[in-house]
Every structure is written in C-alpha cells, then in structure tokens.
Amino acid sequence: MLGERVSTEITRKEDAKGYSEVEDAAKRGGRVAGNARKDTEKELGRPITTSENYLETPEKEKRKRIK
C-alpha cells in the first residue's frame, strides 16, 4: 500500500503523462516501499513477511483459470 501511495504522489507531483513516465513513478514508489520494508526488518531484527502473508492461490493464477 505504501508503494502504491508513493507512486500516486510522484505521478501527481510530476504531472506524469504517458506510459514511460508513469512506469518510472511506479518503479520509484516500489523502491521506496522496498527500502522501508528492509529498514523495518533491520530495526526489528526479524522479517515482517511470512508464509502467512501470502495467498494460497495467487491472483495471477486465479485470473488464468477464469479465462
């Protein structure tokens, strides 16, 4: 959720137009969120993601089955 929000704010701030500009904003937002996760894990001394955080069947697989 953090990555999405940061990406949205970057897109708005820079008035990104077109695929390449929006793609760049999304990558930068994802990088910010990834760094936040890594910093949090370093601070806590343990991972914050576990196997319990994942869906048994990923959304991508569910979509393939529907088609």
Protein backbone atom coordinates (compact mmCIF):
# COMPACT_ATOMS: atom_id res chain seq x y z
CA MET A 1 0.00 0.00 0.00
CA LEU A 2 2.88 2.35 0.73
CA GLY A 3 4.37 1.77 -2.72
CA GLU A 4 1.05 2.49 -4.40
CA ARG A 5 0.56 5.69 -2.46
CA VAL A 6 4.09 6.95 -3.10
CA SER A 7 3.75 6.10 -6.81
CA THR A 8 0.49 8.04 -6.99
CA GLU A 9 2.01 11.07 -5.28
CA ILE A 10 5.07 11.05 -7.55
CA THR A 11 2.81 10.80 -10.61
CA ARG A 12 0.71 13.75 -9.43
CA LYS A 13 3.66 15.87 -8.33
CA GLU A 14 5.47 15.43 -11.63
CA ASP A 15 2.27 15.51 -13.69
CA ALA A 16 3.42 12.29 -15.37
CA LYS A 17 1.90 11.64 -18.77
CA GLY A 18 2.33 8.55 -20.87
CA TYR A 19 3.36 5.03 -20.09
CA SER A 20 7.10 5.56 -19.58
CA GLU A 21 6.70 8.43 -17.10
CA VAL A 22 4.06 6.58 -15.08
CA GLU A 23 6.14 3.39 -15.19
CA ASP A 24 9.12 5.32 -13.81
CA ALA A 25 6.97 6.71 -10.98
CA ALA A 26 5.72 3.19 -10.16
CA LYS A 27 9.25 1.80 -10.02
CA ARG A 28 10.38 4.63 -7.76
CA GLY A 29 7.37 4.12 -5.47
CA GLY A 30 8.14 0.41 -5.27
CA ARG A 31 11.75 1.16 -4.43
CA VAL A 32 10.67 3.46 -1.57
CA ALA A 33 8.36 0.75 -0.18
CA GLY A 34 11.05 -1.92 -0.52
CA ASN A 35 13.57 0.22 1.31
CA ALA A 36 11.02 0.91 4.06
CA ARG A 37 10.45 -2.84 4.48
CA LYS A 38 14.19 -3.55 4.64
CA ASP A 39 14.76 -0.76 7.17
CA THR A 40 11.88 -2.05 9.29
CA GLU A 41 13.25 -5.59 9.25
CA LYS A 42 16.69 -4.31 10.21
CA GLU A 43 15.21 -2.31 13.10
CA LEU A 44 13.12 -5.25 14.35
CA GLY A 45 15.79 -7.84 13.73
CA ARG A 46 13.35 -10.17 12.00
CA PRO A 47 11.42 -10.44 8.73
CA ILE A 48 8.00 -8.81 8.61
CA THR A 49 6.76 -11.04 5.79
CA THR A 50 5.95 -14.68 6.42
CA SER A 51 4.30 -17.51 4.56
CA GLU A 52 1.08 -16.47 6.30
CA ASN A 53 1.15 -13.19 4.32
CA TYR A 54 0.67 -14.96 1.00
CA LEU A 55 -2.45 -16.25 -0.70
CA GLU A 56 -2.57 -19.97 -1.39
CA THR A 57 -3.51 -19.29 -5.00
CA PRO A 58 -2.04 -16.04 -6.33
CA GLU A 59 -4.42 -13.65 -8.09
CA LYS A 60 -2.47 -14.09 -11.33
CA GLU A 61 -3.22 -17.83 -11.29
CA LYS A 62 -6.89 -17.25 -10.49
CA ARG A 63 -7.23 -14.95 -13.49
CA LYS A 64 -5.65 -17.54 -15.78
CA ARG A 65 -8.19 -20.15 -14.66
CA ILE A 66 -11.15 -17.84 -15.30
CA LYS A 67 -10.18 -17.21 -18.94
